[in-house]
PDB file of N, CA and C in Angstrom:
ATOM      1  N   MET A   1       1.809  17.347  -1.690  1.00  0.00           N
ATOM      2  CA  MET A   1       2.915  16.619  -2.290  1.00  0.00           C
ATOM      3  C   MET A   1       3.550  15.729  -1.224  1.00  0.00           C
ATOM      4  N   VAL A   2       3.946  14.555  -1.637  1.00  0.00           N
ATOM      5  CA  VAL A   2       4.598  13.593  -0.752  1.00  0.00           C
ATOM      6  C   VAL A   2       5.957  13.260  -1.344  1.00  0.00           C
ATOM      7  N   GLU A   3       6.997  13.401  -0.523  1.00  0.00           N
ATOM      8  CA  GLU A   3       8.363  13.080  -0.955  1.00  0.00           C
ATOM      9  C   GLU A   3       8.736  11.705  -0.419  1.00  0.00           C
ATOM     10  N   GLY A   4       9.409  10.923  -1.236  1.00  0.00           N
ATOM     11  CA  GLY A   4       9.883   9.618  -0.819  1.00  0.00           C
ATOM     12  C   GLY A   4      11.337   9.438  -1.196  1.00  0.00           C
ATOM     13  N   ILE A   5      11.796   8.214  -1.062  1.00  0.00           N
ATOM     14  CA  ILE A   5      13.193   7.898  -1.360  1.00  0.00           C
ATOM     15  C   ILE A   5      13.266   6.664  -2.255  1.00  0.00           C
ATOM     16  N   ILE A   6      14.424   6.465  -2.832  1.00  0.00           N
ATOM     17  CA  ILE A   6      14.709   5.221  -3.534  1.00  0.00           C
ATOM     18  C   ILE A   6      15.793   4.515  -2.735  1.00  0.00           C
ATOM     19  N   LYS A   7      15.491   3.289  -2.343  1.00  0.00           N
ATOM     20  CA  LYS A   7      16.440   2.489  -1.564  1.00  0.00           C
ATOM     21  C   LYS A   7      16.553   1.134  -2.250  1.00  0.00           C
ATOM     22  N   GLN A   8      17.768   0.753  -2.607  1.00  0.00           N
ATOM     23  CA  GLN A   8      18.025  -0.500  -3.332  1.00  0.00           C
ATOM     24  C   GLN A   8      17.143  -0.592  -4.584  1.00  0.00           C
ATOM     25  N   ASN A   9      17.086   0.524  -5.313  1.00  0.00           N
ATOM     26  CA  ASN A   9      16.325   0.646  -6.565  1.00  0.00           C
ATOM     27  C   ASN A   9      14.815   0.495  -6.400  1.00  0.00           C
ATOM     28  N   LYS A  10      14.307   0.699  -5.185  1.00  0.00           N
ATOM     29  CA  LYS A  10      12.870   0.575  -4.923  1.00  0.00           C
ATOM     30  C   LYS A  10      12.312   1.920  -4.468  1.00  0.00           C
ATOM     31  N   PRO A  11      11.258   2.425  -5.151  1.00  0.00           N
ATOM     32  CA  PRO A  11      10.643   3.695  -4.733  1.00  0.00           C
ATOM     33  C   PRO A  11       9.764   3.491  -3.495  1.00  0.00           C
ATOM     34  N   LEU A  12      10.059   4.260  -2.445  1.00  0.00           N
ATOM     35  CA  LEU A  12       9.373   4.113  -1.163  1.00  0.00           C
ATOM     36  C   LEU A  12       8.787   5.445  -0.711  1.00  0.00           C
ATOM     37  N   VAL A  13       7.569   5.408  -0.161  1.00  0.00           N
ATOM     38  CA  VAL A  13       6.946   6.599   0.424  1.00  0.00           C
ATOM     39  C   VAL A  13       6.326   6.238   1.766  1.00  0.00           C
ATOM     40  N   GLN A  14       6.267   7.236   2.640  1.00  0.00           N
ATOM     41  CA  GLN A  14       5.666   7.074   3.961  1.00  0.00           C
ATOM     42  C   GLN A  14       4.155   7.251   3.851  1.00  0.00           C
ATOM     43  N   VAL A  15       3.394   6.289   4.370  1.00  0.00           N
ATOM     44  CA  VAL A  15       1.941   6.390   4.429  1.00  0.00           C
ATOM     45  C   VAL A  15       1.506   6.112   5.863  1.00  0.00           C
ATOM     46  N   THR A  16       0.306   6.519   6.185  1.00  0.00           N
ATOM     47  CA  THR A  16      -0.244   6.277   7.515  1.00  0.00           C
ATOM     48  C   THR A  16      -1.496   5.426   7.354  1.00  0.00           C
ATOM     49  N   VAL A  17      -1.487   4.270   7.999  1.00  0.00           N
ATOM     50  CA  VAL A  17      -2.599   3.331   7.905  1.00  0.00           C
ATOM     51  C   VAL A  17      -3.360   3.362   9.225  1.00  0.00           C
ATOM     52  N   ALA A  18      -4.680   3.489   9.126  1.00  0.00           N
ATOM     53  CA  ALA A  18      -5.526   3.562  10.322  1.00  0.00           C
ATOM     54  C   ALA A  18      -6.142   2.209  10.625  1.00  0.00           C
ATOM     55  N   SER A  19      -6.460   2.033  11.883  1.00  0.00           N
ATOM     56  CA  SER A  19      -7.205   0.861  12.322  1.00  0.00           C
ATOM     57  C   SER A  19      -8.432   1.355  13.057  1.00  0.00           C
ATOM     58  N   TRP A  20      -9.506   0.626  12.915  1.00  0.00           N
ATOM     59  CA  TRP A  20     -10.739   1.038  13.589  1.00  0.00           C
ATOM     60  C   TRP A  20     -10.561   0.994  15.105  1.00  0.00           C
ATOM     61  N   LEU A  21      -9.671   0.146  15.620  1.00  0.00           N
ATOM     62  CA  LEU A  21      -9.528  -0.025  17.062  1.00  0.00           C
ATOM     63  C   LEU A  21      -8.164   0.379  17.616  1.00  0.00           C
ATOM     64  N   GLN A  22      -7.111   0.284  16.830  1.00  0.00           N
ATOM     65  CA  GLN A  22      -5.750   0.419  17.346  1.00  0.00           C
ATOM     66  C   GLN A  22      -5.054   1.737  17.031  1.00  0.00           C
ATOM     67  N   GLY A  23      -5.726   2.720  16.466  1.00  0.00           N
ATOM     68  CA  GLY A  23      -5.060   3.976  16.130  1.00  0.00           C
ATOM     69  C   GLY A  23      -4.450   3.938  14.748  1.00  0.00           C
ATOM     70  N   VAL A  24      -3.245   4.498  14.605  1.00  0.00           N
ATOM     71  CA  VAL A  24      -2.607   4.574  13.299  1.00  0.00           C
ATOM     72  C   VAL A  24      -1.173   4.046  13.354  1.00  0.00           C
ATOM     73  N   LYS A  25      -0.654   3.710  12.179  1.00  0.00           N
ATOM     74  CA  LYS A  25       0.730   3.231  12.084  1.00  0.00           C
ATOM     75  C   LYS A  25       1.346   3.840  10.832  1.00  0.00           C
ATOM     76  N   ASP A  26       2.505   4.461  10.979  1.00  0.00           N
ATOM     77  CA  ASP A  26       3.258   4.957   9.833  1.00  0.00           C
ATOM     78  C   ASP A  26       4.006   3.790   9.214  1.00  0.00           C
ATOM     79  N   VAL A  27       3.922   3.698   7.901  1.00  0.00           N
ATOM     80  CA  VAL A  27       4.500   2.573   7.170  1.00  0.00           C
ATOM     81  C   VAL A  27       5.277   3.113   5.978  1.00  0.00           C
ATOM     82  N   LEU A  28       6.495   2.614   5.781  1.00  0.00           N
ATOM     83  CA  LEU A  28       7.266   2.938   4.587  1.00  0.00           C
ATOM     84  C   LEU A  28       6.877   1.912   3.527  1.00  0.00           C
ATOM     85  N   ALA A  29       6.150   2.368   2.500  1.00  0.00           N
ATOM     86  CA  ALA A  29       5.562   1.462   1.516  1.00  0.00           C
ATOM     87  C   ALA A  29       6.248   1.570   0.162  1.00  0.00           C
ATOM     88  N   LEU A  30       6.357   0.434  -0.501  1.00  0.00           N
ATOM     89  CA  LEU A  30       6.868   0.368  -1.861  1.00  0.00           C
ATOM     90  C   LEU A  30       5.778   0.844  -2.817  1.00  0.00           C
ATOM     91  N   VAL A  31       6.135   1.715  -3.750  1.00  0.00           N
ATOM     92  CA  VAL A  31       5.208   2.103  -4.808  1.00  0.00           C
ATOM     93  C   VAL A  31       5.339   1.055  -5.909  1.00  0.00           C
ATOM     94  N   ASP A  32       4.310   0.236  -6.067  1.00  0.00           N
ATOM     95  CA  ASP A  32       4.344  -0.900  -6.977  1.00  0.00           C
ATOM     96  C   ASP A  32       3.383  -0.641  -8.137  1.00  0.00           C
ATOM     97  N   THR A  33       3.924  -0.207  -9.275  1.00  0.00           N
ATOM     98  CA  THR A  33       3.076   0.127 -10.423  1.00  0.00           C
ATOM     99  C   THR A  33       2.507  -1.114 -11.112  1.00  0.00           C
ATOM    100  N   GLY A  34       2.949  -2.286 -10.727  1.00  0.00           N
ATOM    101  CA  GLY A  34       2.373  -3.520 -11.245  1.00  0.00           C
ATOM    102  C   GLY A  34       1.218  -4.031 -10.403  1.00  0.00           C
ATOM    103  N   PHE A  35       0.956  -3.384  -9.276  1.00  0.00           N
ATOM    104  CA  PHE A  35      -0.126  -3.743  -8.358  1.00  0.00           C
ATOM    105  C   PHE A  35      -1.299  -2.812  -8.640  1.00  0.00           C
ATOM    106  N   THR A  36      -2.416  -3.359  -9.063  1.00  0.00           N
ATOM    107  CA  THR A  36      -3.553  -2.520  -9.447  1.00  0.00           C
ATOM    108  C   THR A  36      -4.473  -2.184  -8.274  1.00  0.00           C
ATOM    109  N   GLY A  37      -4.193  -2.738  -7.102  1.00  0.00           N
ATOM    110  CA  GLY A  37      -5.021  -2.479  -5.933  1.00  0.00           C
ATOM    111  C   GLY A  37      -4.614  -1.209  -5.210  1.00  0.00           C
ATOM    112  N   ASP A  38      -5.118  -1.082  -3.971  1.00  0.00           N
ATOM    113  CA  ASP A  38      -4.857   0.096  -3.150  1.00  0.00           C
ATOM    114  C   ASP A  38      -3.631  -0.102  -2.254  1.00  0.00           C
ATOM    115  N   LEU A  39      -3.730  -1.072  -1.360  1.00  0.00           N
ATOM    116  CA  LEU A  39      -2.719  -1.289  -0.336  1.00  0.00           C
ATOM    117  C   LEU A  39      -2.564  -2.780  -0.089  1.00  0.00           C
ATOM    118  N   SER A  40      -1.336  -3.220   0.048  1.00  0.00           N
ATOM    119  CA  SER A  40      -1.024  -4.597   0.406  1.00  0.00           C
ATOM    120  C   SER A  40      -0.140  -4.561   1.641  1.00  0.00           C
ATOM    121  N   ILE A  41      -0.529  -5.318   2.666  1.00  0.00           N
ATOM    122  CA  ILE A  41       0.278  -5.398   3.890  1.00  0.00           C
ATOM    123  C   ILE A  41       0.445  -6.861   4.278  1.00  0.00           C
ATOM    124  N   SER A  42       1.389  -7.103   5.164  1.00  0.00           N
ATOM    125  CA  SER A  42       1.617  -8.462   5.644  1.00  0.00           C
ATOM    126  C   SER A  42       0.611  -8.805   6.749  1.00  0.00           C
ATOM    127  N   LYS A  43       0.502 -10.091   7.014  1.00  0.00           N
ATOM    128  CA  LYS A  43      -0.342 -10.556   8.117  1.00  0.00           C
ATOM    129  C   LYS A  43       0.150  -9.956   9.438  1.00  0.00           C
ATOM    130  N   GLU A  44       1.473  -9.842   9.579  1.00  0.00           N
ATOM    131  CA  GLU A  44       2.065  -9.268  10.782  1.00  0.00           C
ATOM    132  C   GLU A  44       1.578  -7.824  10.995  1.00  0.00           C
ATOM    133  N   THR A  45       1.599  -7.000   9.941  1.00  0.00           N
ATOM    134  CA  THR A  45       1.126  -5.615  10.041  1.00  0.00           C
ATOM    135  C   THR A  45      -0.374  -5.579  10.299  1.00  0.00           C
ATOM    136  N   MET A  46      -1.120  -6.476   9.667  1.00  0.00           N
ATOM    137  CA  MET A  46      -2.557  -6.561   9.897  1.00  0.00           C
ATOM    138  C   MET A  46      -2.852  -6.783  11.377  1.00  0.00           C
ATOM    139  N   GLU A  47      -2.107  -7.694  11.981  1.00  0.00           N
ATOM    140  CA  GLU A  47      -2.307  -7.986  13.403  1.00  0.00           C
ATOM    141  C   GLU A  47      -1.899  -6.816  14.280  1.00  0.00           C
ATOM    142  N   GLU A  48      -0.800  -6.123  13.937  1.00  0.00           N
ATOM    143  CA  GLU A  48      -0.370  -4.941  14.697  1.00  0.00           C
ATOM    144  C   GLU A  48      -1.452  -3.862  14.694  1.00  0.00           C
ATOM    145  N   LEU A  49      -2.156  -3.732  13.566  1.00  0.00           N
ATOM    146  CA  LEU A  49      -3.209  -2.725  13.437  1.00  0.00           C
ATOM    147  C   LEU A  49      -4.545  -3.189  14.002  1.00  0.00           C
ATOM    148  N   GLY A  50      -4.655  -4.468  14.315  1.00  0.00           N
ATOM    149  CA  GLY A  50      -5.917  -4.988  14.818  1.00  0.00           C
ATOM    150  C   GLY A  50      -6.978  -5.125  13.737  1.00  0.00           C
ATOM    151  N   LEU A  51      -6.546  -5.221  12.481  1.00  0.00           N
ATOM    152  CA  LEU A  51      -7.492  -5.404  11.382  1.00  0.00           C
ATOM    153  C   LEU A  51      -7.861  -6.878  11.273  1.00  0.00           C
ATOM    154  N   GLY A  52      -9.043  -7.142  10.799  1.00  0.00           N
ATOM    155  CA  GLY A  52      -9.460  -8.516  10.585  1.00  0.00           C
ATOM    156  C   GLY A  52      -9.724  -8.760   9.116  1.00  0.00           C
ATOM    157  N   VAL A  53      -9.761 -10.015   8.742  1.00  0.00           N
ATOM    158  CA  VAL A  53     -10.100 -10.375   7.372  1.00  0.00           C
ATOM    159  C   VAL A  53     -11.594 -10.134   7.187  1.00  0.00           C
ATOM    160  N   ARG A  54     -11.944  -9.368   6.158  1.00  0.00           N
ATOM    161  CA  ARG A  54     -13.350  -9.034   5.897  1.00  0.00           C
ATOM    162  C   ARG A  54     -13.908  -9.799   4.699  1.00  0.00           C
ATOM    163  N   SER A  55     -13.013 -10.248   3.810  1.00  0.00           N
ATOM    164  CA  SER A  55     -13.484 -10.979   2.635  1.00  0.00           C
ATOM    165  C   SER A  55     -12.336 -11.752   2.007  1.00  0.00           C
ATOM    166  N   ILE A  56     -12.697 -12.661   1.137  1.00  0.00           N
ATOM    167  CA  ILE A  56     -11.733 -13.404   0.327  1.00  0.00           C
ATOM    168  C   ILE A  56     -12.075 -13.079  -1.126  1.00  0.00           C
ATOM    169  N   LYS A  57     -11.064 -12.639  -1.890  1.00  0.00           N
ATOM    170  CA  LYS A  57     -11.294 -12.277  -3.291  1.00  0.00           C
ATOM    171  C   LYS A  57     -10.247 -12.946  -4.169  1.00  0.00           C
ATOM    172  N   ALA A  58     -10.629 -13.182  -5.412  1.00  0.00           N
ATOM    173  CA  ALA A  58      -9.695 -13.725  -6.393  1.00  0.00           C
ATOM    174  C   ALA A  58      -8.745 -12.617  -6.841  1.00  0.00           C
ATOM    175  N   VAL A  59      -7.451 -12.904  -6.829  1.00  0.00           N
ATOM    176  CA  VAL A  59      -6.419 -11.960  -7.246  1.00  0.00           C
ATOM    177  C   VAL A  59      -5.649 -12.588  -8.395  1.00  0.00           C
ATOM    178  N   THR A  60      -5.456 -11.823  -9.463  1.00  0.00           N
ATOM    179  CA  THR A  60      -4.666 -12.288 -10.600  1.00  0.00           C
ATOM    180  C   THR A  60      -3.259 -11.718 -10.490  1.00  0.00           C
ATOM    181  N   PHE A  61      -2.274 -12.579 -10.509  1.00  0.00           N
ATOM    182  CA  PHE A  61      -0.882 -12.164 -10.382  1.00  0.00           C
ATOM    183  C   PHE A  61      -0.269 -11.924 -11.754  1.00  0.00           C
ATOM    184  N   GLY A  62       0.934 -11.376 -11.772  1.00  0.00           N
ATOM    185  CA  GLY A  62       1.624 -11.029 -13.011  1.00  0.00           C
ATOM    186  C   GLY A  62       1.827 -12.204 -13.949  1.00  0.00           C
ATOM    187  N   ASP A  63       1.905 -13.409 -13.408  1.00  0.00           N
ATOM    188  CA  ASP A  63       2.066 -14.605 -14.244  1.00  0.00           C
ATOM    189  C   ASP A  63       0.713 -15.170 -14.694  1.00  0.00           C
ATOM    190  N   GLU A  64      -0.368 -14.377 -14.463  1.00  0.00           N
ATOM    191  CA  GLU A  64      -1.743 -14.729 -14.837  1.00  0.00           C
ATOM    192  C   GLU A  64      -2.358 -15.818 -13.960  1.00  0.00           C
ATOM    193  N   LYS A  65      -1.669 -16.251 -12.908  1.00  0.00           N
ATOM    194  CA  LYS A  65      -2.262 -17.213 -11.982  1.00  0.00           C
ATOM    195  C   LYS A  65      -3.249 -16.472 -11.081  1.00  0.00           C
ATOM    196  N   VAL A  66      -4.348 -17.133 -10.766  1.00  0.00           N
ATOM    197  CA  VAL A  66      -5.385 -16.566  -9.909  1.00  0.00           C
ATOM    198  C   VAL A  66      -5.366 -17.308  -8.585  1.00  0.00           C
ATOM    199  N   LYS A  67      -5.413 -16.528  -7.490  1.00  0.00           N
ATOM    200  CA  LYS A  67      -5.392 -17.128  -6.161  1.00  0.00           C
ATOM    201  C   LYS A  67      -6.392 -16.380  -5.283  1.00  0.00           C
ATOM    202  N   ASN A  68      -7.129 -17.101  -4.445  1.00  0.00           N
ATOM    203  CA  ASN A  68      -8.023 -16.458  -3.482  1.00  0.00           C
ATOM    204  C   ASN A  68      -7.196 -15.920  -2.330  1.00  0.00           C
ATOM    205  N   MET A  69      -7.368 -14.629  -2.037  1.00  0.00           N
ATOM    206  CA  MET A  69      -6.548 -13.955  -1.024  1.00  0.00           C
ATOM    207  C   MET A  69      -7.451 -13.222  -0.025  1.00  0.00           C
ATOM    208  N   PRO A  70      -6.974 -13.082   1.226  1.00  0.00           N
ATOM    209  CA  PRO A  70      -7.756 -12.356   2.229  1.00  0.00           C
ATOM    210  C   PRO A  70      -7.628 -10.841   2.062  1.00  0.00           C
ATOM    211  N   PHE A  71      -8.726 -10.137   2.338  1.00  0.00           N
ATOM    212  CA  PHE A  71      -8.768  -8.681   2.278  1.00  0.00           C
ATOM    213  C   PHE A  71      -9.368  -8.125   3.560  1.00  0.00           C
ATOM    214  N   SER A  72      -8.962  -6.908   3.871  1.00  0.00           N
ATOM    215  CA  SER A  72      -9.557  -6.144   4.960  1.00  0.00           C
ATOM    216  C   SER A  72      -9.942  -4.784   4.395  1.00  0.00           C
ATOM    217  N   LYS A  73     -10.448  -3.898   5.235  1.00  0.00           N
ATOM    218  CA  LYS A  73     -10.762  -2.519   4.849  1.00  0.00           C
ATOM    219  C   LYS A  73     -10.255  -1.614   5.951  1.00  0.00           C
ATOM    220  N   THR A  74      -9.771  -0.442   5.559  1.00  0.00           N
ATOM    221  CA  THR A  74      -9.365   0.558   6.536  1.00  0.00           C
ATOM    222  C   THR A  74      -9.291   1.912   5.844  1.00  0.00           C
ATOM    223  N   SER A  75      -8.869   2.916   6.591  1.00  0.00           N
ATOM    224  CA  SER A  75      -8.601   4.241   6.028  1.00  0.00           C
ATOM    225  C   SER A  75      -7.103   4.466   6.078  1.00  0.00           C
ATOM    226  N   MET A  76      -6.617   5.317   5.187  1.00  0.00           N
ATOM    227  CA  MET A  76      -5.194   5.637   5.225  1.00  0.00           C
ATOM    228  C   MET A  76      -4.973   7.051   4.713  1.00  0.00           C
ATOM    229  N   TYR A  77      -3.820   7.578   5.055  1.00  0.00           N
ATOM    230  CA  TYR A  77      -3.397   8.893   4.588  1.00  0.00           C
ATOM    231  C   TYR A  77      -2.132   8.728   3.762  1.00  0.00           C
ATOM    232  N   VAL A  78      -2.096   9.446   2.656  1.00  0.00           N
ATOM    233  CA  VAL A  78      -0.865   9.620   1.896  1.00  0.00           C
ATOM    234  C   VAL A  78      -0.683  11.129   1.863  1.00  0.00           C
ATOM    235  N   GLY A  79       0.310  11.606   2.625  1.00  0.00           N
ATOM    236  CA  GLY A  79       0.405  13.044   2.845  1.00  0.00           C
ATOM    237  C   GLY A  79      -0.837  13.487   3.603  1.00  0.00           C
ATOM    238  N   LYS A  80      -1.515  14.496   3.115  1.00  0.00           N
ATOM    239  CA  LYS A  80      -2.729  14.987   3.772  1.00  0.00           C
ATOM    240  C   LYS A  80      -3.999  14.418   3.151  1.00  0.00           C
ATOM    241  N   ARG A  81      -3.841  13.578   2.141  1.00  0.00           N
ATOM    242  CA  ARG A  81      -5.002  13.002   1.459  1.00  0.00           C
ATOM    243  C   ARG A  81      -5.413  11.693   2.134  1.00  0.00           C
ATOM    244  N   LYS A  82      -6.701  11.599   2.434  1.00  0.00           N
ATOM    245  CA  LYS A  82      -7.233  10.420   3.121  1.00  0.00           C
ATOM    246  C   LYS A  82      -8.204   9.693   2.208  1.00  0.00           C
ATOM    247  N   CYS A  83      -8.201   8.371   2.311  1.00  0.00           N
ATOM    248  CA  CYS A  83      -9.225   7.600   1.604  1.00  0.00           C
ATOM    249  C   CYS A  83      -9.425   6.254   2.286  1.00  0.00           C
ATOM    250  N   ASP A  84     -10.583   5.672   2.027  1.00  0.00           N
ATOM    251  CA  ASP A  84     -10.872   4.316   2.481  1.00  0.00           C
ATOM    252  C   ASP A  84     -10.316   3.360   1.437  1.00  0.00           C
ATOM    253  N   VAL A  85      -9.696   2.281   1.903  1.00  0.00           N
ATOM    254  CA  VAL A  85      -9.014   1.377   0.980  1.00  0.00           C
ATOM    255  C   VAL A  85      -9.352  -0.081   1.266  1.00  0.00           C
ATOM    256  N   ASP A  86      -9.271  -0.868   0.188  1.00  0.00           N
ATOM    257  CA  ASP A  86      -9.276  -2.321   0.314  1.00  0.00           C
ATOM    258  C   ASP A  86      -7.833  -2.743   0.557  1.00  0.00           C
ATOM    259  N   VAL A  87      -7.627  -3.605   1.526  1.00  0.00           N
ATOM    260  CA  VAL A  87      -6.285  -4.005   1.937  1.00  0.00           C
ATOM    261  C   VAL A  87      -6.070  -5.484   1.640  1.00  0.00           C
ATOM    262  N   LEU A  88      -5.154  -5.770   0.737  1.00  0.00           N
ATOM    263  CA  LEU A  88      -4.766  -7.147   0.444  1.00  0.00           C
ATOM    264  C   LEU A  88      -3.808  -7.612   1.533  1.00  0.00           C
ATOM    265  N   ILE A  89      -4.106  -8.753   2.136  1.00  0.00           N
ATOM    266  CA  ILE A  89      -3.218  -9.329   3.154  1.00  0.00           C
ATOM    267  C   ILE A  89      -2.357 -10.368   2.434  1.00  0.00           C
ATOM    268  N   ALA A  90      -1.079 -10.037   2.248  1.00  0.00           N
ATOM    269  CA  ALA A  90      -0.204 -10.866   1.412  1.00  0.00           C
ATOM    270  C   ALA A  90       1.015 -11.321   2.195  1.00  0.00           C
ATOM    271  N   GLY A  91       1.015 -12.555   2.597  1.00  0.00           N
ATOM    272  CA  GLY A  91       2.185 -13.136   3.255  1.00  0.00           C
ATOM    273  C   GLY A  91       2.243 -12.860   4.745  1.00  0.00           C
ATOM    274  N   GLU A  92       3.111 -13.619   5.419  1.00  0.00           N
ATOM    275  CA  GLU A  92       3.284 -13.484   6.864  1.00  0.00           C
ATOM    276  C   GLU A  92       4.013 -12.195   7.229  1.00  0.00           C
ATOM    277  N   LYS A  93       5.072 -11.902   6.476  1.00  0.00           N
ATOM    278  CA  LYS A  93       5.893 -10.715   6.732  1.00  0.00           C
ATOM    279  C   LYS A  93       6.188 -10.063   5.398  1.00  0.00           C
ATOM    280  N   GLY A  94       6.738  -8.881   5.441  1.00  0.00           N
ATOM    281  CA  GLY A  94       7.119  -8.226   4.193  1.00  0.00           C
ATOM    282  C   GLY A  94       6.732  -6.767   4.170  1.00  0.00           C
ATOM    283  N   ARG A  95       7.223  -6.077   3.170  1.00  0.00           N
ATOM    284  CA  ARG A  95       7.007  -4.645   3.016  1.00  0.00           C
ATOM    285  C   ARG A  95       5.601  -4.352   2.509  1.00  0.00           C
ATOM    286  N   ALA A  96       5.018  -3.289   3.040  1.00  0.00           N
ATOM    287  CA  ALA A  96       3.737  -2.808   2.526  1.00  0.00           C
ATOM    288  C   ALA A  96       3.932  -2.267   1.114  1.00  0.00           C
ATOM    289  N   LYS A  97       2.867  -2.339   0.308  1.00  0.00           N
ATOM    290  CA  LYS A  97       2.916  -1.826  -1.060  1.00  0.00           C
ATOM    291  C   LYS A  97       1.670  -0.983  -1.311  1.00  0.00           C
ATOM    292  N   ILE A  98       1.869   0.120  -2.017  1.00  0.00           N
ATOM    293  CA  ILE A  98       0.722   0.866  -2.513  1.00  0.00           C
ATOM    294  C   ILE A  98       0.702   0.702  -4.027  1.00  0.00           C
ATOM    295  N   GLY A  99      -0.501   0.597  -4.568  1.00  0.00           N
ATOM    296  CA  GLY A  99      -0.639   0.324  -5.987  1.00  0.00           C
ATOM    297  C   GLY A  99      -1.271   1.472  -6.750  1.00  0.00           C
ATOM    298  N   ILE A 100      -1.411   1.246  -8.036  1.00  0.00           N
ATOM    299  CA  ILE A 100      -1.957   2.305  -8.885  1.00  0.00           C
ATOM    300  C   ILE A 100      -3.430   2.570  -8.600  1.00  0.00           C
ATOM    301  N   GLY A 101      -4.126   1.613  -7.997  1.00  0.00           N
ATOM    302  CA  GLY A 101      -5.506   1.865  -7.583  1.00  0.00           C
ATOM    303  C   GLY A 101      -5.578   3.010  -6.597  1.00  0.00           C
ATOM    304  N   LEU A 102      -4.677   3.018  -5.625  1.00  0.00           N
ATOM    305  CA  LEU A 102      -4.626   4.088  -4.628  1.00  0.00           C
ATOM    306  C   LEU A 102      -4.196   5.408  -5.257  1.00  0.00           C
ATOM    307  N   LEU A 103      -3.158   5.365  -6.090  1.00  0.00           N
ATOM    308  CA  LEU A 103      -2.678   6.598  -6.727  1.00  0.00           C
ATOM    309  C   LEU A 103      -3.778   7.224  -7.581  1.00  0.00           C
ATOM    310  N   THR A 104      -4.569   6.380  -8.241  1.00  0.00           N
ATOM    311  CA  THR A 104      -5.678   6.878  -9.059  1.00  0.00           C
ATOM    312  C   THR A 104      -6.777   7.466  -8.189  1.00  0.00           C
ATOM    313  N   LYS A 105      -7.154   6.764  -7.118  1.00  0.00           N
ATOM    314  CA  LYS A 105      -8.200   7.259  -6.204  1.00  0.00           C
ATOM    315  C   LYS A 105      -7.868   8.645  -5.671  1.00  0.00           C
ATOM    316  N   LEU A 106      -6.590   8.842  -5.329  1.00  0.00           N
ATOM    317  CA  LEU A 106      -6.175  10.104  -4.717  1.00  0.00           C
ATOM    318  C   LEU A 106      -5.701  11.138  -5.739  1.00  0.00           C
ATOM    319  N   GLY A 107      -5.665  10.759  -7.006  1.00  0.00           N
ATOM    320  CA  GLY A 107      -5.306  11.707  -8.062  1.00  0.00           C
ATOM    321  C   GLY A 107      -3.848  12.119  -8.070  1.00  0.00           C
ATOM    322  N   PHE A 108      -2.963  11.210  -7.656  1.00  0.00           N
ATOM    323  CA  PHE A 108      -1.539  11.529  -7.608  1.00  0.00           C
ATOM    324  C   PHE A 108      -0.855  11.349  -8.949  1.00  0.00           C
ATOM    325  N   LYS A 109       0.128  12.176  -9.195  1.00  0.00           N
ATOM    326  CA  LYS A 109       1.091  11.996 -10.281  1.00  0.00           C
ATOM    327  C   LYS A 109       2.345  11.421  -9.629  1.00  0.00           C
ATOM    328  N   LEU A 110       2.880  10.349 -10.191  1.00  0.00           N
ATOM    329  CA  LEU A 110       4.078   9.693  -9.655  1.00  0.00           C
ATOM    330  C   LEU A 110       5.296  10.110 -10.458  1.00  0.00           C
ATOM    331  N   GLU A 111       6.314  10.626  -9.746  1.00  0.00           N
ATOM    332  CA  GLU A 111       7.595  10.961 -10.369  1.00  0.00           C
ATOM    333  C   GLU A 111       8.690  10.183  -9.648  1.00  0.00           C
ATOM    334  N   VAL A 112       9.450   9.409 -10.413  1.00  0.00           N
ATOM    335  CA  VAL A 112      10.550   8.622  -9.854  1.00  0.00           C
ATOM    336  C   VAL A 112      11.834   9.109 -10.500  1.00  0.00           C
ATOM    337  N   ASP A 113      12.773   9.585  -9.676  1.00  0.00           N
ATOM    338  CA  ASP A 113      14.034  10.142 -10.158  1.00  0.00           C
ATOM    339  C   ASP A 113      15.185   9.290  -9.614  1.00  0.00           C
ATOM    340  N   TYR A 114      15.604   8.315 -10.413  1.00  0.00           N
ATOM    341  CA  TYR A 114      16.663   7.412  -9.965  1.00  0.00           C
ATOM    342  C   TYR A 114      18.017   8.113  -9.867  1.00  0.00           C
ATOM    343  N   ARG A 115      18.236   9.129 -10.661  1.00  0.00           N
ATOM    344  CA  ARG A 115      19.501   9.848 -10.609  1.00  0.00           C
ATOM    345  C   ARG A 115      19.704  10.504  -9.228  1.00  0.00           C
ATOM    346  N   ASN A 116      18.604  11.011  -8.659  1.00  0.00           N
ATOM    347  CA  ASN A 116      18.688  11.701  -7.365  1.00  0.00           C
ATOM    348  C   ASN A 116      18.074  10.899  -6.225  1.00  0.00           C
ATOM    349  N   ASP A 117      17.756   9.624  -6.458  1.00  0.00           N
ATOM    350  CA  ASP A 117      17.172   8.745  -5.432  1.00  0.00           C
ATOM    351  C   ASP A 117      15.956   9.358  -4.754  1.00  0.00           C
ATOM    352  N   SER A 118      15.053   9.910  -5.560  1.00  0.00           N
ATOM    353  CA  SER A 118      13.870  10.536  -4.967  1.00  0.00           C
ATOM    354  C   SER A 118      12.585  10.102  -5.659  1.00  0.00           C
ATOM    355  N   VAL A 119      11.513  10.163  -4.896  1.00  0.00           N
ATOM    356  CA  VAL A 119      10.168   9.849  -5.372  1.00  0.00           C
ATOM    357  C   VAL A 119       9.275  10.995  -4.951  1.00  0.00           C
ATOM    358  N   ARG A 120       8.345  11.349  -5.837  1.00  0.00           N
ATOM    359  CA  ARG A 120       7.417  12.437  -5.504  1.00  0.00           C
ATOM    360  C   ARG A 120       6.019  12.050  -5.979  1.00  0.00           C
ATOM    361  N   LEU A 121       5.057  12.207  -5.074  1.00  0.00           N
ATOM    362  CA  LEU A 121       3.651  12.086  -5.426  1.00  0.00           C
ATOM    363  C   LEU A 121       3.079  13.490  -5.345  1.00  0.00           C
ATOM    364  N   SER A 122       2.539  13.977  -6.445  1.00  0.00           N
ATOM    365  CA  SER A 122       1.988  15.340  -6.442  1.00  0.00           C
ATOM    366  C   SER A 122       0.615  15.362  -7.103  1.00  0.00           C
TER     367      SER A 122
END
């Protein structure tokens, strides 16, 4: 089970992102149920981890616009669960996001409790 928080009405959980060369980095990530991928990080975080762009893929956004975006690959931990993930590189700076693709891969149930400002992945 992974416990998180709600800050400014945003559900956040701590994840650990690995790099093939630079070790690991703990990241406070937004749980984004509108994101169907695994993990989205900024270019700044990508560079901190020493990840490189491995491919360019078409991404469809909520407004149905399609844009070619850079992707990388890495491993990550959510709690004690580890998996290999496709990483969308989105923007120069910004908060990391985990999507329903990752939650599905790891078999998590998402509970968001706004009354108590808590998030739980179990």
